Amino acid sequence: MDSKTAVLRWRRGQEAAAERIRDLTRAEGPLPERAVSESLAALDTLATMGMWPGPRDPVSESMVEAVRQRWVRIERRARQTPTR
């Protein structure tokens, strides 16, 4: 068997295994407890690695900055408006 045939066979096996896992997951249905547990474990791992909380992406950061600026305008306007 040449290397190209071996790689193609390996890929077909990987795809078949992935399909089988998807089928089993679909049949098993949602498992909220497992999802929460795995999410918390991932966050703990990131925190241990010093990577949590992670940096925001530029789009999210600009959106946060826009909200902050709006709140500044709202607070200024509230201070200028006389109370009744």
PDB file of N, CA and C in Angstrom:
ATOM      1  N   MET A   1       0.855  -1.178   0.000  1.00  0.00           N
ATOM      2  CA  MET A   1       0.000   0.000   0.000  1.00  0.00           C
ATOM      3  C   MET A   1       0.903   1.245   0.000  1.00  0.00           C
ATOM      4  N   ASP A   2       0.650   2.141  -0.937  1.00  0.00           N
ATOM      5  CA  ASP A   2       1.459   3.361  -0.973  1.00  0.00           C
ATOM      6  C   ASP A   2       0.942   4.371   0.054  1.00  0.00           C
ATOM      7  N   SER A   3       1.704   5.437   0.263  1.00  0.00           N
ATOM      8  CA  SER A   3       1.370   6.389   1.322  1.00  0.00           C
ATOM      9  C   SER A   3       0.073   7.140   1.026  1.00  0.00           C
ATOM     10  N   LYS A   4      -0.196   7.430  -0.241  1.00  0.00           N
ATOM     11  CA  LYS A   4      -1.429   8.142  -0.574  1.00  0.00           C
ATOM     12  C   LYS A   4      -2.645   7.286  -0.208  1.00  0.00           C
ATOM     13  N   THR A   5      -2.600   6.029  -0.533  1.00  0.00           N
ATOM     14  CA  THR A   5      -3.698   5.117  -0.215  1.00  0.00           C
ATOM     15  C   THR A   5      -3.851   4.984   1.297  1.00  0.00           C
ATOM     16  N   ALA A   6      -2.737   4.922   1.997  1.00  0.00           N
ATOM     17  CA  ALA A   6      -2.778   4.803   3.459  1.00  0.00           C
ATOM     18  C   ALA A   6      -3.405   6.041   4.083  1.00  0.00           C
ATOM     19  N   VAL A   7      -3.042   7.226   3.579  1.00  0.00           N
ATOM     20  CA  VAL A   7      -3.596   8.468   4.121  1.00  0.00           C
ATOM     21  C   VAL A   7      -5.094   8.546   3.831  1.00  0.00           C
ATOM     22  N   LEU A   8      -5.491   8.187   2.619  1.00  0.00           N
ATOM     23  CA  LEU A   8      -6.911   8.212   2.282  1.00  0.00           C
ATOM     24  C   LEU A   8      -7.698   7.237   3.151  1.00  0.00           C
ATOM     25  N   ARG A   9      -7.141   6.074   3.395  1.00  0.00           N
ATOM     26  CA  ARG A   9      -7.800   5.086   4.252  1.00  0.00           C
ATOM     27  C   ARG A   9      -7.913   5.611   5.679  1.00  0.00           C
ATOM     28  N   TRP A  10      -6.845   6.230   6.152  1.00  0.00           N
ATOM     29  CA  TRP A  10      -6.849   6.803   7.497  1.00  0.00           C
ATOM     30  C   TRP A  10      -7.923   7.888   7.609  1.00  0.00           C
ATOM     31  N   ARG A  11      -8.003   8.778   6.600  1.00  0.00           N
ATOM     32  CA  ARG A  11      -9.000   9.854   6.616  1.00  0.00           C
ATOM     33  C   ARG A  11     -10.417   9.305   6.602  1.00  0.00           C
ATOM     34  N   ARG A  12     -10.659   8.272   5.799  1.00  0.00           N
ATOM     35  CA  ARG A  12     -11.989   7.658   5.774  1.00  0.00           C
ATOM     36  C   ARG A  12     -12.338   7.075   7.143  1.00  0.00           C
ATOM     37  N   GLY A  13     -11.359   6.467   7.777  1.00  0.00           N
ATOM     38  CA  GLY A  13     -11.574   5.934   9.121  1.00  0.00           C
ATOM     39  C   GLY A  13     -11.882   7.029  10.124  1.00  0.00           C
ATOM     40  N   GLN A  14     -11.159   8.143  10.032  1.00  0.00           N
ATOM     41  CA  GLN A  14     -11.402   9.277  10.928  1.00  0.00           C
ATOM     42  C   GLN A  14     -12.796   9.857  10.698  1.00  0.00           C
ATOM     43  N   GLU A  15     -13.178   9.986   9.438  1.00  0.00           N
ATOM     44  CA  GLU A  15     -14.508  10.522   9.124  1.00  0.00           C
ATOM     45  C   GLU A  15     -15.605   9.586   9.617  1.00  0.00           C
ATOM     46  N   ALA A  16     -15.398   8.276   9.460  1.00  0.00           N
ATOM     47  CA  ALA A  16     -16.387   7.301   9.937  1.00  0.00           C
ATOM     48  C   ALA A  16     -16.503   7.356  11.459  1.00  0.00           C
ATOM     49  N   ALA A  17     -15.372   7.500  12.142  1.00  0.00           N
ATOM     50  CA  ALA A  17     -15.393   7.587  13.605  1.00  0.00           C
ATOM     51  C   ALA A  17     -16.104   8.859  14.050  1.00  0.00           C
ATOM     52  N   ALA A  18     -15.837   9.965  13.381  1.00  0.00           N
ATOM     53  CA  ALA A  18     -16.489  11.227  13.729  1.00  0.00           C
ATOM     54  C   ALA A  18     -17.999  11.129  13.509  1.00  0.00           C
ATOM     55  N   GLU A  19     -18.403  10.496  12.425  1.00  0.00           N
ATOM     56  CA  GLU A  19     -19.830  10.312  12.152  1.00  0.00           C
ATOM     57  C   GLU A  19     -20.474   9.450  13.238  1.00  0.00           C
ATOM     58  N   ARG A  20     -19.790   8.409  13.653  1.00  0.00           N
ATOM     59  CA  ARG A  20     -20.314   7.529  14.704  1.00  0.00           C
ATOM     60  C   ARG A  20     -20.462   8.287  16.024  1.00  0.00           C
ATOM     61  N   ILE A  21     -19.495   9.127  16.351  1.00  0.00           N
ATOM     62  CA  ILE A  21     -19.566   9.935  17.571  1.00  0.00           C
ATOM     63  C   ILE A  21     -20.743  10.901  17.492  1.00  0.00           C
ATOM     64  N   ARG A  22     -20.942  11.534  16.322  1.00  0.00           N
ATOM     65  CA  ARG A  22     -22.081  12.441  16.157  1.00  0.00           C
ATOM     66  C   ARG A  22     -23.405  11.693  16.334  1.00  0.00           C
ATOM     67  N   ASP A  23     -23.492  10.487  15.760  1.00  0.00           N
ATOM     68  CA  ASP A  23     -24.709   9.684  15.908  1.00  0.00           C
ATOM     69  C   ASP A  23     -24.981   9.351  17.374  1.00  0.00           C
ATOM     70  N   LEU A  24     -23.942   8.931  18.081  1.00  0.00           N
ATOM     71  CA  LEU A  24     -24.111   8.596  19.495  1.00  0.00           C
ATOM     72  C   LEU A  24     -24.498   9.814  20.320  1.00  0.00           C
ATOM     73  N   THR A  25     -23.884  10.934  20.037  1.00  0.00           N
ATOM     74  CA  THR A  25     -24.192  12.175  20.750  1.00  0.00           C
ATOM     75  C   THR A  25     -25.630  12.589  20.483  1.00  0.00           C
ATOM     76  N   ARG A  26     -26.041  12.489  19.229  1.00  0.00           N
ATOM     77  CA  ARG A  26     -27.411  12.837  18.863  1.00  0.00           C
ATOM     78  C   ARG A  26     -28.410  11.923  19.577  1.00  0.00           C
ATOM     79  N   ALA A  27     -28.119  10.632  19.624  1.00  0.00           N
ATOM     80  CA  ALA A  27     -29.010   9.670  20.276  1.00  0.00           C
ATOM     81  C   ALA A  27     -29.059   9.889  21.787  1.00  0.00           C
ATOM     82  N   GLU A  28     -27.925  10.294  22.362  1.00  0.00           N
ATOM     83  CA  GLU A  28     -27.842  10.514  23.806  1.00  0.00           C
ATOM     84  C   GLU A  28     -28.638  11.741  24.232  1.00  0.00           C
ATOM     85  N   GLY A  29     -28.715  12.734  23.354  1.00  0.00           N
ATOM     86  CA  GLY A  29     -29.449  13.954  23.667  1.00  0.00           C
ATOM     87  C   GLY A  29     -28.614  14.908  24.498  1.00  0.00           C
ATOM     88  N   PRO A  30     -29.197  16.061  24.836  1.00  0.00           N
ATOM     89  CA  PRO A  30     -28.458  17.058  25.604  1.00  0.00           C
ATOM     90  C   PRO A  30     -28.185  16.585  27.029  1.00  0.00           C
ATOM     91  N   LEU A  31     -27.013  16.911  27.504  1.00  0.00           N
ATOM     92  CA  LEU A  31     -26.625  16.588  28.875  1.00  0.00           C
ATOM     93  C   LEU A  31     -26.138  17.868  29.552  1.00  0.00           C
ATOM     94  N   PRO A  32     -27.066  18.668  30.074  1.00  0.00           N
ATOM     95  CA  PRO A  32     -26.691  19.965  30.637  1.00  0.00           C
ATOM     96  C   PRO A  32     -25.662  19.870  31.759  1.00  0.00           C
ATOM     97  N   GLU A  33     -25.790  18.849  32.609  1.00  0.00           N
ATOM     98  CA  GLU A  33     -24.840  18.731  33.721  1.00  0.00           C
ATOM     99  C   GLU A  33     -23.428  18.530  33.197  1.00  0.00           C
ATOM    100  N   ARG A  34     -23.288  17.687  32.181  1.00  0.00           N
ATOM    101  CA  ARG A  34     -21.967  17.448  31.606  1.00  0.00           C
ATOM    102  C   ARG A  34     -21.443  18.714  30.934  1.00  0.00           C
ATOM    103  N   ALA A  35     -22.313  19.416  30.220  1.00  0.00           N
ATOM    104  CA  ALA A  35     -21.889  20.633  29.527  1.00  0.00           C
ATOM    105  C   ALA A  35     -21.368  21.670  30.519  1.00  0.00           C
ATOM    106  N   VAL A  36     -22.087  21.849  31.615  1.00  0.00           N
ATOM    107  CA  VAL A  36     -21.657  22.819  32.628  1.00  0.00           C
ATOM    108  C   VAL A  36     -20.347  22.382  33.259  1.00  0.00           C
ATOM    109  N   SER A  37     -20.254  21.101  33.575  1.00  0.00           N
ATOM    110  CA  SER A  37     -19.034  20.577  34.191  1.00  0.00           C
ATOM    111  C   SER A  37     -17.823  20.758  33.276  1.00  0.00           C
ATOM    112  N   GLU A  38     -17.995  20.437  31.997  1.00  0.00           N
ATOM    113  CA  GLU A  38     -16.883  20.586  31.054  1.00  0.00           C
ATOM    114  C   GLU A  38     -16.509  22.048  30.850  1.00  0.00           C
ATOM    115  N   SER A  39     -17.513  22.927  30.816  1.00  0.00           N
ATOM    116  CA  SER A  39     -17.236  24.359  30.666  1.00  0.00           C
ATOM    117  C   SER A  39     -16.453  24.898  31.857  1.00  0.00           C
ATOM    118  N   LEU A  40     -16.893  24.535  33.056  1.00  0.00           N
ATOM    119  CA  LEU A  40     -16.185  24.998  34.253  1.00  0.00           C
ATOM    120  C   LEU A  40     -14.763  24.444  34.315  1.00  0.00           C
ATOM    121  N   ALA A  41     -14.589  23.186  33.898  1.00  0.00           N
ATOM    122  CA  ALA A  41     -13.246  22.598  33.878  1.00  0.00           C
ATOM    123  C   ALA A  41     -12.357  23.341  32.884  1.00  0.00           C
ATOM    124  N   ALA A  42     -12.913  23.707  31.744  1.00  0.00           N
ATOM    125  CA  ALA A  42     -12.130  24.454  30.747  1.00  0.00           C
ATOM    126  C   ALA A  42     -11.736  25.815  31.289  1.00  0.00           C
ATOM    127  N   LEU A  43     -12.668  26.490  31.967  1.00  0.00           N
ATOM    128  CA  LEU A  43     -12.351  27.797  32.543  1.00  0.00           C
ATOM    129  C   LEU A  43     -11.312  27.686  33.647  1.00  0.00           C
ATOM    130  N   ASP A  44     -11.405  26.644  34.472  1.00  0.00           N
ATOM    131  CA  ASP A  44     -10.396  26.420  35.507  1.00  0.00           C
ATOM    132  C   ASP A  44      -9.021  26.201  34.891  1.00  0.00           C
ATOM    133  N   THR A  45      -8.990  25.431  33.811  1.00  0.00           N
ATOM    134  CA  THR A  45      -7.721  25.173  33.122  1.00  0.00           C
ATOM    135  C   THR A  45      -7.141  26.467  32.577  1.00  0.00           C
ATOM    136  N   LEU A  46      -7.973  27.282  31.941  1.00  0.00           N
ATOM    137  CA  LEU A  46      -7.494  28.564  31.416  1.00  0.00           C
ATOM    138  C   LEU A  46      -6.998  29.463  32.545  1.00  0.00           C
ATOM    139  N   ALA A  47      -7.719  29.474  33.667  1.00  0.00           N
ATOM    140  CA  ALA A  47      -7.285  30.295  34.804  1.00  0.00           C
ATOM    141  C   ALA A  47      -5.952  29.818  35.340  1.00  0.00           C
ATOM    142  N   THR A  48      -5.773  28.495  35.427  1.00  0.00           N
ATOM    143  CA  THR A  48      -4.512  27.926  35.900  1.00  0.00           C
ATOM    144  C   THR A  48      -3.361  28.318  34.975  1.00  0.00           C
ATOM    145  N   MET A  49      -3.669  28.395  33.672  1.00  0.00           N
ATOM    146  CA  MET A  49      -2.651  28.757  32.685  1.00  0.00           C
ATOM    147  C   MET A  49      -2.435  30.268  32.613  1.00  0.00           C
ATOM    148  N   GLY A  50      -3.235  31.028  33.387  1.00  0.00           N
ATOM    149  CA  GLY A  50      -3.109  32.481  33.365  1.00  0.00           C
ATOM    150  C   GLY A  50      -3.732  33.107  32.133  1.00  0.00           C
ATOM    151  N   MET A  51      -4.650  32.399  31.506  1.00  0.00           N
ATOM    152  CA  MET A  51      -5.252  32.895  30.275  1.00  0.00           C
ATOM    153  C   MET A  51      -6.723  33.274  30.451  1.00  0.00           C
ATOM    154  N   TRP A  52      -7.203  33.332  31.707  1.00  0.00           N
ATOM    155  CA  TRP A  52      -8.593  33.695  31.938  1.00  0.00           C
ATOM    156  C   TRP A  52      -8.655  34.788  32.963  1.00  0.00           C
ATOM    157  N   PRO A  53      -9.366  35.830  32.785  1.00  0.00           N
ATOM    158  CA  PRO A  53     -10.167  36.090  31.595  1.00  0.00           C
ATOM    159  C   PRO A  53      -9.275  36.476  30.433  1.00  0.00           C
ATOM    160  N   GLY A  54      -9.663  36.038  29.279  1.00  0.00           N
ATOM    161  CA  GLY A  54      -8.888  36.303  28.071  1.00  0.00           C
ATOM    162  C   GLY A  54      -9.129  37.709  27.553  1.00  0.00           C
ATOM    163  N   PRO A  55      -8.275  38.156  26.674  1.00  0.00           N
ATOM    164  CA  PRO A  55      -8.458  39.490  26.099  1.00  0.00           C
ATOM    165  C   PRO A  55      -9.674  39.510  25.176  1.00  0.00           C
ATOM    166  N   ARG A  56     -10.304  40.657  25.091  1.00  0.00           N
ATOM    167  CA  ARG A  56     -11.433  40.802  24.170  1.00  0.00           C
ATOM    168  C   ARG A  56     -10.905  40.997  22.756  1.00  0.00           C
ATOM    169  N   ASP A  57     -11.706  40.599  21.805  1.00  0.00           N
ATOM    170  CA  ASP A  57     -11.338  40.870  20.427  1.00  0.00           C
ATOM    171  C   ASP A  57     -11.629  42.347  20.145  1.00  0.00           C
ATOM    172  N   PRO A  58     -11.020  42.911  19.109  1.00  0.00           N
ATOM    173  CA  PRO A  58     -11.177  44.349  18.850  1.00  0.00           C
ATOM    174  C   PRO A  58     -12.628  44.787  18.654  1.00  0.00           C
ATOM    175  N   VAL A  59     -13.452  43.970  18.029  1.00  0.00           N
ATOM    176  CA  VAL A  59     -14.851  44.347  17.810  1.00  0.00           C
ATOM    177  C   VAL A  59     -15.589  44.424  19.137  1.00  0.00           C
ATOM    178  N   SER A  60     -15.419  43.410  19.986  1.00  0.00           N
ATOM    179  CA  SER A  60     -16.075  43.429  21.292  1.00  0.00           C
ATOM    180  C   SER A  60     -15.591  44.598  22.125  1.00  0.00           C
ATOM    181  N   GLU A  61     -14.309  44.860  22.083  1.00  0.00           N
ATOM    182  CA  GLU A  61     -13.748  45.961  22.861  1.00  0.00           C
ATOM    183  C   GLU A  61     -14.337  47.295  22.408  1.00  0.00           C
ATOM    184  N   SER A  62     -14.496  47.488  21.101  1.00  0.00           N
ATOM    185  CA  SER A  62     -15.072  48.748  20.608  1.00  0.00           C
ATOM    186  C   SER A  62     -16.536  48.869  21.012  1.00  0.00           C
ATOM    187  N   MET A  63     -17.262  47.744  21.046  1.00  0.00           N
ATOM    188  CA  MET A  63     -18.658  47.776  21.478  1.00  0.00           C
ATOM    189  C   MET A  63     -18.764  48.133  22.963  1.00  0.00           C
ATOM    190  N   VAL A  64     -17.871  47.578  23.769  1.00  0.00           N
ATOM    191  CA  VAL A  64     -17.853  47.896  25.197  1.00  0.00           C
ATOM    192  C   VAL A  64     -17.543  49.375  25.383  1.00  0.00           C
ATOM    193  N   GLU A  65     -16.603  49.885  24.636  1.00  0.00           N
ATOM    194  CA  GLU A  65     -16.244  51.303  24.740  1.00  0.00           C
ATOM    195  C   GLU A  65     -17.407  52.195  24.330  1.00  0.00           C
ATOM    196  N   ALA A  66     -18.153  51.799  23.294  1.00  0.00           N
ATOM    197  CA  ALA A  66     -19.321  52.580  22.871  1.00  0.00           C
ATOM    198  C   ALA A  66     -20.378  52.611  23.973  1.00  0.00           C
ATOM    199  N   VAL A  67     -20.598  51.496  24.646  1.00  0.00           N
ATOM    200  CA  VAL A  67     -21.570  51.453  25.748  1.00  0.00           C
ATOM    201  C   VAL A  67     -21.097  52.335  26.891  1.00  0.00           C
ATOM    202  N   ARG A  68     -19.811  52.286  27.199  1.00  0.00           N
ATOM    203  CA  ARG A  68     -19.287  53.150  28.271  1.00  0.00           C
ATOM    204  C   ARG A  68     -19.497  54.628  27.951  1.00  0.00           C
ATOM    205  N   GLN A  69     -19.238  55.009  26.704  1.00  0.00           N
ATOM    206  CA  GLN A  69     -19.425  56.400  26.307  1.00  0.00           C
ATOM    207  C   GLN A  69     -20.891  56.820  26.401  1.00  0.00           C
ATOM    208  N   ARG A  70     -21.788  55.921  26.031  1.00  0.00           N
ATOM    209  CA  ARG A  70     -23.220  56.231  26.156  1.00  0.00           C
ATOM    210  C   ARG A  70     -23.599  56.459  27.619  1.00  0.00           C
ATOM    211  N   TRP A  71     -23.063  55.621  28.516  1.00  0.00           N
ATOM    212  CA  TRP A  71     -23.365  55.787  29.937  1.00  0.00           C
ATOM    213  C   TRP A  71     -22.806  57.104  30.458  1.00  0.00           C
ATOM    214  N   VAL A  72     -21.672  57.517  29.966  1.00  0.00           N
ATOM    215  CA  VAL A  72     -21.107  58.811  30.380  1.00  0.00           C
ATOM    216  C   VAL A  72     -22.063  59.925  29.971  1.00  0.00           C
ATOM    217  N   ARG A  73     -22.576  59.873  28.728  1.00  0.00           N
ATOM    218  CA  ARG A  73     -23.520  60.898  28.267  1.00  0.00           C
ATOM    219  C   ARG A  73     -24.816  60.871  29.096  1.00  0.00           C
ATOM    220  N   ILE A  74     -25.302  59.667  29.392  1.00  0.00           N
ATOM    221  CA  ILE A  74     -26.526  59.535  30.186  1.00  0.00           C
ATOM    222  C   ILE A  74     -26.319  60.135  31.581  1.00  0.00           C
ATOM    223  N   GLU A  75     -25.171  59.839  32.209  1.00  0.00           N
ATOM    224  CA  GLU A  75     -24.899  60.368  33.546  1.00  0.00           C
ATOM    225  C   GLU A  75     -24.775  61.889  33.524  1.00  0.00           C
ATOM    226  N   ARG A  76     -24.093  62.432  32.521  1.00  0.00           N
ATOM    227  CA  ARG A  76     -23.965  63.894  32.429  1.00  0.00           C
ATOM    228  C   ARG A  76     -25.338  64.540  32.268  1.00  0.00           C
ATOM    229  N   ARG A  77     -26.144  63.982  31.397  1.00  0.00           N
ATOM    230  CA  ARG A  77     -27.483  64.517  31.167  1.00  0.00           C
ATOM    231  C   ARG A  77     -28.321  64.420  32.443  1.00  0.00           C
ATOM    232  N   ALA A  78     -28.175  63.329  33.171  1.00  0.00           N
ATOM    233  CA  ALA A  78     -28.942  63.162  34.419  1.00  0.00           C
ATOM    234  C   ALA A  78     -28.522  64.197  35.449  1.00  0.00           C
ATOM    235  N   ARG A  79     -27.245  64.532  35.502  1.00  0.00           N
ATOM    236  CA  ARG A  79     -26.781  65.542  36.460  1.00  0.00           C
ATOM    237  C   ARG A  79     -27.274  66.933  36.085  1.00  0.00           C
ATOM    238  N   GLN A  80     -27.408  67.193  34.798  1.00  0.00           N
ATOM    239  CA  GLN A  80     -27.839  68.501  34.344  1.00  0.00           C
ATOM    240  C   GLN A  80     -29.339  68.708  34.467  1.00  0.00           C
ATOM    241  N   THR A  81     -30.090  67.638  34.494  1.00  0.00           N
ATOM    242  CA  THR A  81     -31.545  67.736  34.586  1.00  0.00           C
ATOM    243  C   THR A  81     -31.939  67.977  36.039  1.00  0.00           C
ATOM    244  N   PRO A  82     -32.678  69.034  36.302  1.00  0.00           N
ATOM    245  CA  PRO A  82     -33.085  69.284  37.689  1.00  0.00           C
ATOM    246  C   PRO A  82     -34.087  68.242  38.162  1.00  0.00           C
ATOM    247  N   THR A  83     -33.962  67.881  39.405  1.00  0.00           N
ATOM    248  CA  THR A  83     -34.893  66.904  39.985  1.00  0.00           C
ATOM    249  C   THR A  83     -36.143  67.627  40.442  1.00  0.00           C
ATOM    250  N   ARG A  84     -37.247  66.954  40.437  1.00  0.00           N
ATOM    251  CA  ARG A  84     -38.512  67.587  40.828  1.00  0.00           C
ATOM    252  C   ARG A  84     -38.877  67.280  42.233  1.00  0.00           C
TER     253      ARG A  84
END
